[in-house]
Structure formats: structure tokens, C-alpha cells
Amino acid sequence: MNWILYIILGGFAGWLTGRIFKGEGFGFIMNLVVGIVGGLLGGLIFRILGISVGVGIVPSLITAILGGGVFVWILGLGKKK
């Protein structure tokens, strides 16, 4: 059942990331992708920096949103020309 929670949390984090960094959501599937990739990327960034964010839904959500913001920023770099 944990994977269902991860999908819901990833979708919510992706939606929030879209609202914060883009002004609107990305659509259901892209929200999931941004949230899941953001969670992985945020966890990696925090681990490299030696920052411990804790365990639970709120720290995981914060990590996914910040990582999602970095992911959206990286995607935006590829589009600008």
C-alpha cells in the first residue's frame, strides 16, 4: 500500500510544484512525473549537501517540491534558445 501513498504524494507534490514555479499545473501524468523525479532529485541533492530533512509525509513533500522546482528549472534550460 505504500506505493499508492507515494503516487498520491508525488502527484500532489508535482501539482504544487507547477503552481509555485509555473503558475499552473502540468497535467495529471506530468504532475506525477515532476513529483516523483522531484522527490528523487531533492533527496539526492539533500544527501550530497549533507542535509537531513527527516522522515514523514511533510518532509517528503517539501523535498519533492524543492527537487521538482530544480527539475522544472533544468527542463526550462533546454527550452530557452
Protein backbone atom coordinates (compact mmCIF):
# COMPACT_ATOMS: atom_id res chain seq x y z
CA MET A 1 0.00 0.00 0.00
CA ASN A 2 2.97 2.36 0.40
CA TRP A 3 3.34 2.72 -3.37
CA ILE A 4 -0.17 4.16 -3.58
CA LEU A 5 0.82 6.77 -0.99
CA TYR A 6 3.97 7.56 -2.99
CA ILE A 7 1.93 8.06 -6.17
CA ILE A 8 -0.56 10.31 -4.39
CA LEU A 9 2.23 12.26 -2.68
CA GLY A 10 4.15 12.52 -5.99
CA GLY A 11 1.07 13.80 -7.82
CA PHE A 12 0.36 16.35 -5.12
CA ALA A 13 3.99 17.47 -5.00
CA GLY A 14 4.05 17.80 -8.80
CA TRP A 15 0.85 19.82 -8.77
CA LEU A 16 2.19 22.13 -6.03
CA THR A 17 5.48 22.48 -7.90
CA GLY A 18 3.57 23.51 -11.02
CA ARG A 19 1.54 26.05 -9.06
CA ILE A 20 4.63 27.51 -7.38
CA PHE A 21 7.14 27.53 -10.25
CA LYS A 22 4.92 27.76 -13.33
CA GLY A 23 1.70 29.31 -12.11
CA GLU A 24 -0.45 26.33 -13.09
CA GLY A 25 -0.30 22.55 -13.01
CA PHE A 26 1.31 20.44 -15.71
CA GLY A 27 -1.48 17.91 -16.20
CA PHE A 28 -2.08 14.68 -14.33
CA ILE A 29 0.69 12.50 -15.81
CA MET A 30 3.31 15.25 -15.84
CA ASN A 31 2.41 16.17 -12.24
CA LEU A 32 3.22 12.58 -11.26
CA VAL A 33 6.49 12.65 -13.20
CA VAL A 34 7.56 16.01 -11.74
CA GLY A 35 6.63 14.89 -8.21
CA ILE A 36 8.40 11.53 -8.40
CA VAL A 37 11.51 12.83 -10.19
CA GLY A 38 11.48 15.82 -7.84
CA GLY A 39 11.42 13.56 -4.82
CA LEU A 40 14.36 11.56 -6.12
CA LEU A 41 16.30 14.64 -7.20
CA GLY A 42 15.56 16.51 -3.98
CA GLY A 43 16.66 13.52 -1.91
CA LEU A 44 19.88 13.26 -3.91
CA ILE A 45 20.61 16.98 -3.57
CA PHE A 46 19.98 16.97 0.17
CA ARG A 47 22.11 13.84 0.61
CA ILE A 48 25.01 15.43 -1.33
CA LEU A 49 24.74 18.60 0.76
CA GLY A 50 24.56 16.56 3.98
CA ILE A 51 21.13 17.94 4.92
CA SER A 52 18.76 15.68 6.83
CA VAL A 53 15.12 16.60 6.26
CA GLY A 54 13.58 13.96 8.47
CA VAL A 55 11.05 11.20 7.91
CA GLY A 56 7.36 11.55 7.22
CA ILE A 57 4.90 12.99 4.76
CA VAL A 58 5.64 16.70 5.29
CA PRO A 59 9.46 16.46 4.93
CA SER A 60 9.00 14.17 1.92
CA LEU A 61 6.58 16.64 0.36
CA ILE A 62 8.97 19.56 0.91
CA THR A 63 11.84 17.55 -0.58
CA ALA A 64 9.75 16.60 -3.63
CA ILE A 65 8.60 20.19 -4.20
CA LEU A 66 12.12 21.61 -4.00
CA GLY A 67 13.51 18.82 -6.17
CA GLY A 68 10.62 19.32 -8.60
CA GLY A 69 11.49 23.00 -8.81
CA VAL A 70 15.06 22.11 -9.74
CA PHE A 71 13.74 19.60 -12.29
CA VAL A 72 11.40 22.19 -13.85
CA TRP A 73 14.26 24.70 -13.94
CA ILE A 74 16.52 22.17 -15.70
CA LEU A 75 13.78 21.41 -18.23
CA GLY A 76 13.36 25.14 -18.82
CA LEU A 77 17.05 25.50 -19.63
CA GLY A 78 16.63 23.10 -22.51
CA LYS A 79 13.74 25.09 -24.00
CA LYS A 80 15.37 28.54 -23.92
CA LYS A 81 17.24 29.47 -27.07
